[in-house]
């Protein structure tokens, strides 16, 4: 239970008995129990959300790994394949084509 041993729990109990008057002990333990219950509920919600996020990420990774069924495979390499194999991007068509000389404006 929270990594507390017998002696730690005993010390906490003694501090509670010393500082909380006997007539307020039932209310104190009731509130302590409700706080504990709320913490457990929040923990359950966080775990559920984390599992949901993990499931969504796994689904997204699975979809990325599967090839598209509707796409026809032409056998041509995509630009992404070229970059992965050659570790650099191919020159763009605009960079390789010579630009026409600027027109004189007078």
Protein backbone atom coordinates (compact mmCIF):
# COMPACT_ATOMS: atom_id res chain seq x y z
CA UNK A 1 0.00 0.00 0.00
CA UNK A 2 1.89 3.06 -1.36
CA UNK A 3 5.18 1.41 -0.36
CA UNK A 4 4.55 2.11 3.33
CA UNK A 5 5.59 -0.38 5.95
CA UNK A 6 4.03 -1.15 9.29
CA UNK A 7 6.03 1.46 11.21
CA UNK A 8 5.26 4.26 8.77
CA UNK A 9 1.53 3.53 8.97
CA UNK A 10 1.75 3.39 12.77
CA UNK A 11 3.46 6.81 12.87
CA UNK A 12 0.83 8.33 10.59
CA UNK A 13 -1.94 6.86 12.78
CA UNK A 14 -0.33 8.31 15.91
CA UNK A 15 -0.05 11.76 14.31
CA UNK A 16 -3.72 11.60 13.26
CA UNK A 17 -4.82 10.54 16.74
CA UNK A 18 -2.78 13.35 18.32
CA UNK A 19 -3.89 16.17 16.00
CA UNK A 20 -7.48 15.19 15.15
CA UNK A 21 -9.92 15.36 18.08
CA UNK A 22 -11.84 12.12 18.78
CA UNK A 23 -15.24 13.62 17.88
CA UNK A 24 -13.95 14.56 14.41
CA UNK A 25 -12.29 11.21 13.66
CA UNK A 26 -15.34 9.63 11.94
CA UNK A 27 -15.73 12.65 9.63
CA UNK A 28 -11.96 12.69 9.01
CA UNK A 29 -11.89 9.02 7.98
CA UNK A 30 -15.04 9.47 5.86
CA UNK A 31 -13.39 12.34 3.96
CA UNK A 32 -10.13 10.40 3.70
CA UNK A 33 -12.02 7.45 2.22
CA UNK A 34 -13.88 9.65 -0.28
CA UNK A 35 -10.63 11.31 -1.36
CA UNK A 36 -9.09 7.85 -1.80
CA UNK A 37 -12.08 6.78 -3.89
CA UNK A 38 -11.81 9.89 -6.09
CA UNK A 39 -8.10 9.26 -6.61
CA UNK A 40 -8.80 5.67 -7.65
CA UNK A 41 -11.51 6.84 -10.08
CA UNK A 42 -9.14 9.39 -11.60
CA UNK A 43 -6.45 6.71 -11.90
CA UNK A 44 -8.92 4.41 -13.71
CA UNK A 45 -9.90 7.22 -16.08
CA UNK A 46 -6.29 8.08 -16.86
CA UNK A 47 -5.46 4.42 -17.53
CA UNK A 48 -8.53 4.07 -19.77
CA UNK A 49 -7.55 7.18 -21.76
CA UNK A 50 -3.95 5.98 -22.05
CA UNK A 51 -5.11 2.58 -23.34
CA UNK A 52 -7.38 4.32 -25.83
CA UNK A 53 -4.54 6.53 -27.07
CA UNK A 54 -2.22 3.53 -27.32
CA UNK A 55 -4.86 1.60 -29.28
CA UNK A 56 -5.36 4.57 -31.64
CA UNK A 57 -1.62 4.88 -32.22
CA UNK A 58 -1.30 1.17 -32.89
CA UNK A 59 -4.21 1.35 -35.35
CA UNK A 60 -2.56 4.30 -37.12
CA UNK A 61 0.77 2.45 -37.34
CA UNK A 62 -0.99 -0.62 -38.71
CA UNK A 63 -2.76 1.47 -41.36
CA UNK A 64 0.55 3.10 -42.36
CA UNK A 65 2.21 -0.30 -42.82
CA UNK A 66 -0.58 -1.74 -44.97
CA UNK A 67 -0.38 -0.83 -48.67
CA UNK A 68 -3.37 0.98 -50.15
CA UNK A 69 -5.66 -1.54 -51.82
CA UNK A 70 -7.21 1.02 -54.20
CA UNK A 71 -3.92 2.34 -55.52
CA UNK A 72 -2.49 0.73 -58.63
CA UNK A 73 1.16 -0.17 -58.26
CA UNK A 74 2.96 1.09 -61.35
CA UNK A 75 6.37 -0.08 -60.21
CA UNK A 76 7.73 3.46 -60.37
CA UNK A 77 9.58 4.72 -57.33
CA UNK A 78 7.90 7.46 -55.40
CA UNK A 79 9.84 10.61 -54.41
CA UNK A 80 9.97 9.30 -50.84
CA UNK A 81 11.70 6.11 -52.02
CA UNK A 82 14.31 8.14 -53.89
CA UNK A 83 15.08 10.24 -50.82
CA UNK A 84 15.41 7.20 -48.61
CA UNK A 85 17.75 5.38 -50.96
CA UNK A 86 19.96 8.29 -51.96
CA UNK A 87 19.81 10.29 -48.74
CA UNK A 88 19.21 13.54 -50.65
CA UNK A 89 16.34 15.07 -52.54
CA UNK A 90 16.26 15.16 -56.33
CA UNK A 91 16.64 18.61 -57.87
CA UNK A 92 13.33 20.30 -58.59
CA UNK A 93 12.39 20.99 -62.20
CA UNK A 94 12.31 24.74 -61.55
CA UNK A 95 15.90 24.69 -60.36
CA UNK A 96 17.25 22.81 -63.36
CA UNK A 97 15.41 24.74 -66.07
CA UNK A 98 17.04 27.92 -67.22
CA UNK A 99 15.00 31.04 -66.55
CA UNK A 100 14.32 33.34 -69.51
CA UNK A 101 16.26 36.60 -69.44
CA UNK A 102 14.39 39.48 -67.82
CA UNK A 103 12.62 41.84 -70.19
CA UNK A 104 13.91 45.40 -70.37
CA UNK A 105 11.42 47.85 -68.96
CA UNK A 106 11.78 51.36 -70.26
